[in-house]
N, C-alpha and C. Protein backbone atom coordinates (compact mmCIF):
# COMPACT_ATOMS: atom_id res chain seq x y z
N MET A 1 0.92 -1.16 0.21
CA MET A 1 -0.03 0.07 0.09
C MET A 1 0.50 1.10 -0.10
N VAL A 2 0.53 2.14 -0.63
CA VAL A 2 1.58 3.39 -0.74
C VAL A 2 0.97 4.15 0.20
N ASP A 3 1.92 5.46 0.55
CA ASP A 3 1.36 6.06 1.81
C ASP A 3 1.34 7.37 0.99
N THR A 4 0.38 7.78 1.21
CA THR A 4 -0.47 8.98 0.62
C THR A 4 -0.62 9.79 1.60
N THR A 5 -0.44 9.87 2.25
CA THR A 5 0.21 11.45 4.01
C THR A 5 0.81 12.62 3.14
N PRO A 6 1.54 12.34 2.40
CA PRO A 6 1.90 13.76 1.47
C PRO A 6 1.20 14.55 0.56
N LEU A 7 0.21 13.64 0.19
CA LEU A 7 -1.07 14.56 -0.54
C LEU A 7 -1.51 14.45 0.27
N THR A 8 -2.31 14.15 0.72
CA THR A 8 -3.61 14.31 2.20
C THR A 8 -2.96 15.89 2.69
N ARG A 9 -1.88 15.67 3.32
CA ARG A 9 -1.41 16.90 3.91
C ARG A 9 -1.58 18.44 3.20
N ALA A 10 -0.58 18.22 1.66
CA ALA A 10 -0.50 19.10 0.38
C ALA A 10 -2.12 19.72 0.66
N VAL A 11 -2.79 19.07 0.64
CA VAL A 11 -4.79 19.43 -0.53
C VAL A 11 -4.80 19.89 1.39
N ASP A 12 -4.60 19.33 2.02
CA ASP A 12 -5.11 20.15 3.64
C ASP A 12 -4.63 20.83 3.97
N HIS A 13 -3.61 21.49 3.12
CA HIS A 13 -2.87 23.07 3.70
C HIS A 13 -3.53 23.74 2.85
N PHE A 14 -4.22 23.44 1.60
CA PHE A 14 -4.27 24.26 0.57
C PHE A 14 -5.80 24.77 0.48
N ALA A 15 -6.75 23.68 0.75
CA ALA A 15 -7.95 23.92 1.54
C ALA A 15 -8.49 24.75 2.75
N ASP A 16 -7.28 24.74 3.35
CA ASP A 16 -7.01 25.42 4.36
C ASP A 16 -7.17 27.12 4.60
N ARG A 17 -6.02 27.20 3.57
CA ARG A 17 -5.52 28.05 3.16
C ARG A 17 -6.73 29.20 2.39
N LEU A 18 -7.46 28.38 1.28
CA LEU A 18 -8.55 28.96 0.66
C LEU A 18 -9.98 29.58 1.78
N ARG A 19 -10.42 28.39 2.80
CA ARG A 19 -10.95 28.90 3.85
C ARG A 19 -10.75 30.03 3.86
N ALA A 20 -9.39 30.13 4.55
CA ALA A 20 -9.18 31.59 4.96
C ALA A 20 -8.87 32.90 4.43
N ALA A 21 -9.13 32.72 2.83
CA ALA A 21 -8.34 34.17 1.82
C ALA A 21 -9.98 34.81 2.11
N PRO A 22 -9.75 35.48 1.66
CA PRO A 22 -10.62 36.82 1.35
C PRO A 22 -11.75 36.42 0.36
N GLN A 23 -12.93 36.96 0.18
CA GLN A 23 -13.69 37.00 -0.98
C GLN A 23 -13.09 37.24 -2.04
N SER A 24 -12.40 38.75 -1.96
CA SER A 24 -11.58 38.87 -2.87
C SER A 24 -10.67 38.34 -4.00
N ARG A 25 -9.84 37.62 -2.97
CA ARG A 25 -8.89 36.51 -3.27
C ARG A 25 -10.08 35.16 -4.16
N LEU A 26 -10.44 34.94 -3.84
CA LEU A 26 -11.16 33.62 -4.38
C LEU A 26 -11.59 34.13 -5.25
N GLN A 27 -12.32 35.50 -6.00
CA GLN A 27 -12.83 35.89 -6.96
C GLN A 27 -12.32 36.73 -7.94
N ARG A 28 -10.69 36.93 -7.30
CA ARG A 28 -9.47 37.08 -8.48
C ARG A 28 -8.72 35.65 -9.17
N GLY A 29 -9.20 34.51 -8.97
CA GLY A 29 -8.96 33.18 -9.16
C GLY A 29 -8.22 32.57 -8.51
N ALA A 30 -8.53 32.58 -7.25
CA ALA A 30 -8.18 31.66 -6.05
C ALA A 30 -9.29 30.17 -6.82
N ALA A 31 -10.11 30.80 -6.63
CA ALA A 31 -11.34 29.40 -6.35
C ALA A 31 -10.98 28.80 -7.70
N ALA A 32 -11.29 30.00 -8.27
CA ALA A 32 -10.81 28.86 -10.24
C ALA A 32 -9.65 28.02 -10.34
N GLU A 33 -8.82 28.65 -9.75
CA GLU A 33 -7.39 27.78 -9.63
C GLU A 33 -8.12 26.61 -9.02
N ALA A 34 -8.36 26.44 -7.81
CA ALA A 34 -8.79 24.97 -6.88
C ALA A 34 -9.58 24.10 -8.02
N LEU A 35 -10.93 25.09 -8.64
CA LEU A 35 -11.82 24.01 -9.30
C LEU A 35 -11.06 22.96 -10.65
N ALA A 36 -10.16 24.00 -11.19
CA ALA A 36 -9.14 23.88 -11.91
C ALA A 36 -8.53 22.04 -11.82
N LEU A 37 -7.99 22.30 -10.18
CA LEU A 37 -6.92 20.93 -10.30
C LEU A 37 -8.18 20.23 -9.30
N ALA A 38 -9.07 19.97 -8.70
CA ALA A 38 -9.74 19.19 -8.34
C ALA A 38 -10.51 18.95 -9.87
N ARG A 39 -10.72 19.35 -10.80
CA ARG A 39 -11.56 18.54 -12.14
C ARG A 39 -10.38 17.79 -12.57
N HIS A 40 -8.85 18.11 -12.72
CA HIS A 40 -7.49 17.31 -13.27
C HIS A 40 -7.88 16.00 -12.12
N LEU A 41 -7.44 16.16 -10.77
CA LEU A 41 -7.72 15.33 -9.90
C LEU A 41 -8.63 14.11 -10.45
N ALA A 42 -9.77 14.62 -10.14
CA ALA A 42 -10.96 14.00 -10.30
C ALA A 42 -10.73 13.13 -12.00
N ARG A 43 -10.44 13.85 -12.94
CA ARG A 43 -9.94 12.90 -14.21
C ARG A 43 -9.32 12.02 -14.02
N TRP A 44 -8.13 12.33 -13.21
CA TRP A 44 -7.16 11.30 -12.81
C TRP A 44 -7.56 10.02 -12.33
N THR A 45 -8.31 10.50 -11.35
CA THR A 45 -8.92 9.22 -10.34
C THR A 45 -9.66 8.23 -11.50
N GLN A 46 -10.88 8.85 -12.59
CA GLN A 46 -11.37 8.22 -13.06
C GLN A 46 -10.87 7.57 -14.21
N SER A 47 -9.96 8.13 -14.41
CA SER A 47 -9.12 7.20 -15.73
C SER A 47 -8.42 6.01 -15.48
N VAL A 48 -8.38 6.00 -13.85
CA VAL A 48 -7.89 4.79 -12.93
C VAL A 48 -9.00 3.43 -12.88
N GLU A 49 -9.75 4.30 -12.36
CA GLU A 49 -10.95 3.42 -11.71
C GLU A 49 -11.69 2.93 -13.00
N GLU A 50 -12.14 3.79 -14.41
CA GLU A 50 -12.71 3.78 -15.70
C GLU A 50 -12.17 3.42 -16.89
N PRO A 51 -10.79 3.09 -17.15
CA PRO A 51 -10.12 3.09 -18.15
C PRO A 51 -10.85 3.35 -19.22
N GLY A 52 -10.54 4.08 -20.22
CA GLY A 52 -11.37 4.12 -21.45
C GLY A 52 -12.88 4.35 -21.22
N ALA A 53 -12.97 5.02 -20.09
CA ALA A 53 -14.56 5.88 -20.02
C ALA A 53 -14.62 6.80 -20.61
N GLN A 54 -15.87 7.78 -20.75
CA GLN A 54 -15.79 9.52 -20.68
C GLN A 54 -15.55 9.73 -19.82
N ALA A 55 -14.76 10.84 -19.23
CA ALA A 55 -14.79 11.13 -18.42
C ALA A 55 -15.84 12.59 -18.06
N ARG A 56 -15.90 12.30 -16.76
CA ARG A 56 -17.40 13.28 -16.35
C ARG A 56 -16.30 14.82 -15.26
N GLU A 57 -17.27 15.91 -15.57
CA GLU A 57 -16.70 17.07 -15.16
C GLU A 57 -17.25 17.04 -14.15
N MET A 58 -16.31 17.78 -13.18
CA MET A 58 -16.58 17.95 -11.71
C MET A 58 -17.56 19.36 -12.24
N PRO A 59 -19.04 19.33 -11.46
CA PRO A 59 -19.59 21.02 -11.95
C PRO A 59 -19.01 21.69 -10.81
N ASP A 60 -18.60 22.92 -11.37
CA ASP A 60 -18.87 24.44 -10.50
C ASP A 60 -19.65 24.64 -9.46
N ALA A 61 -19.21 24.59 -8.24
CA ALA A 61 -20.03 24.61 -7.13
C ALA A 61 -20.58 26.20 -6.47
N GLY A 62 -19.50 26.59 -7.22
CA GLY A 62 -19.23 27.81 -6.37
C GLY A 62 -17.74 28.13 -5.44
N MET A 63 -17.35 29.69 -5.27
CA MET A 63 -16.17 29.76 -5.00
C MET A 63 -16.09 29.60 -3.79
N PHE A 64 -17.34 29.61 -2.65
CA PHE A 64 -17.04 28.58 -1.68
C PHE A 64 -17.13 26.97 -1.09
N ALA A 65 -17.14 26.68 -2.22
CA ALA A 65 -17.30 25.00 -2.16
C ALA A 65 -15.46 24.88 -3.02
N ALA A 66 -14.89 25.49 -3.82
CA ALA A 66 -13.07 25.14 -3.53
C ALA A 66 -12.57 24.34 -3.07
N ALA A 67 -12.67 24.74 -1.83
CA ALA A 67 -12.15 23.81 -0.67
C ALA A 67 -12.19 22.41 -0.73
N ASP A 68 -13.81 22.83 -0.46
CA ASP A 68 -14.18 21.12 -0.40
C ASP A 68 -14.14 20.08 -1.52
N GLN A 69 -14.15 21.22 -2.37
CA GLN A 69 -13.74 20.03 -3.62
C GLN A 69 -12.56 19.77 -3.95
N ILE A 70 -11.58 20.34 -3.86
CA ILE A 70 -9.99 19.86 -4.22
C ILE A 70 -9.96 18.60 -3.04
N LEU A 71 -10.74 18.86 -1.70
CA LEU A 71 -10.53 17.81 -0.94
C LEU A 71 -10.92 16.15 -1.16
N VAL A 72 -12.32 16.51 -1.94
CA VAL A 72 -12.55 15.53 -2.28
C VAL A 72 -12.52 14.57 -3.39
N ALA A 73 -11.96 15.79 -4.19
CA ALA A 73 -10.99 14.67 -5.77
C ALA A 73 -9.64 14.27 -4.73
N ALA A 74 -8.93 15.12 -4.31
CA ALA A 74 -7.54 14.49 -3.98
C ALA A 74 -7.82 13.01 -2.97
N HIS A 75 -9.08 13.14 -2.43
CA HIS A 75 -8.70 11.58 -1.23
C HIS A 75 -9.48 10.39 -2.18
N ASP A 76 -10.52 11.01 -3.13
CA ASP A 76 -10.65 9.72 -4.05
C ASP A 76 -9.42 9.50 -4.93
N LEU A 77 -8.34 10.67 -5.03
CA LEU A 77 -7.28 10.18 -6.03
C LEU A 77 -6.61 8.94 -4.87
N ALA A 78 -6.25 9.60 -3.97
CA ALA A 78 -5.26 8.89 -2.53
C ALA A 78 -5.61 7.60 -3.19
N LEU A 79 -7.08 7.09 -2.78
CA LEU A 79 -7.96 5.55 -2.73
C LEU A 79 -6.94 4.65 -4.16
N VAL A 80 -6.62 4.92 -5.04
CA VAL A 80 -6.14 4.53 -6.10
C VAL A 80 -4.38 4.87 -6.76
N LEU A 81 -4.31 6.02 -6.14
CA LEU A 81 -2.45 6.18 -6.75
C LEU A 81 -2.10 4.65 -6.45
N GLU A 82 -1.06 4.16 -7.16
CA GLU A 82 -0.36 2.96 -7.03
C GLU A 82 1.14 2.90 -6.67
N SER A 83 2.21 4.18 -6.80
CA SER A 83 2.93 4.29 -6.53
C SER A 83 3.88 5.69 -5.51
N GLU A 84 4.68 5.65 -5.67
CA GLU A 84 5.10 6.63 -4.33
C GLU A 84 5.56 7.69 -5.46
N ASP A 85 5.77 7.76 -6.60
CA ASP A 85 6.19 8.86 -8.32
C ASP A 85 4.79 9.41 -8.59
N GLN A 86 3.57 8.56 -8.42
CA GLN A 86 2.35 9.20 -8.47
C GLN A 86 1.73 10.11 -7.33
N VAL A 87 2.16 9.65 -6.30
CA VAL A 87 1.74 10.90 -4.67
C VAL A 87 2.63 11.44 -4.91
N SER A 88 4.08 11.74 -5.53
CA SER A 88 4.87 13.18 -5.12
C SER A 88 4.52 13.88 -7.01
N GLU A 89 3.86 13.25 -7.93
CA GLU A 89 3.26 14.05 -9.04
C GLU A 89 2.09 14.70 -8.54
N ALA A 90 1.32 14.32 -7.73
CA ALA A 90 -0.24 14.55 -7.31
C ALA A 90 0.71 15.65 -6.62
N VAL A 91 1.22 15.47 -5.39
CA VAL A 91 1.94 16.60 -4.30
C VAL A 91 2.51 17.74 -5.39
N GLY A 92 2.90 17.24 -6.33
CA GLY A 92 3.82 18.49 -6.92
C GLY A 92 2.25 19.51 -7.95
N LEU A 93 1.41 18.81 -8.44
CA LEU A 93 0.13 19.79 -8.78
C LEU A 93 -0.48 20.68 -7.56
N VAL A 94 -0.30 20.05 -6.70
CA VAL A 94 -1.35 20.44 -5.44
C VAL A 94 -0.73 21.75 -5.31
N GLU A 95 0.58 22.01 -4.89
CA GLU A 95 1.73 23.10 -4.47
C GLU A 95 1.64 24.13 -5.45
N GLU A 96 1.89 23.85 -6.74
CA GLU A 96 1.79 24.37 -8.32
C GLU A 96 0.48 25.60 -8.53
N ALA A 97 -0.65 24.68 -7.76
CA ALA A 97 -1.97 25.07 -7.85
C ALA A 97 -1.69 26.25 -6.50
N ARG A 98 -1.66 25.41 -5.84
CA ARG A 98 -1.53 26.39 -4.22
C ARG A 98 -0.97 28.07 -4.62
N LYS A 99 0.28 27.70 -5.36
CA LYS A 99 1.26 28.62 -5.77
C LYS A 99 0.33 29.85 -6.81
N ARG A 100 -0.09 29.18 -8.04
CA ARG A 100 -0.68 29.74 -8.17
C ARG A 100 -2.02 30.73 -8.02
N ALA A 101 -2.73 30.49 -7.10
CA ALA A 101 -4.29 30.34 -6.76
C ALA A 101 -3.56 31.91 -5.52
N GLY A 102 -1.91 32.03 -5.13
CA GLY A 102 -1.38 33.08 -4.30
C GLY A 102 -2.32 33.09 -2.83
N VAL A 103 -2.51 31.80 -2.29
CA VAL A 103 -2.51 31.52 -1.17
C VAL A 103 -2.05 30.09 0.11
């Protein structure tokens, strides 16, 4: 079993930062960046669970739900990751998105 703790820590940190961010920061792109990450992670999970199936897109539930959306997507992904390299890749995606979001 792969240790996905680094991924859950990184996404928990990003989600906490989003929740603490002012509405103006969320509106300036932080929420959109989080939604893009959540959608990417959800597609990755879907590709592992249902290879070849048409991807479903995570809906935009609004800027105040962005933190929850990245948590759900990352925790779902953590269940299907098969290697330390995949965990490192996912952590990198989370960290890059957090930096772009400015939180």
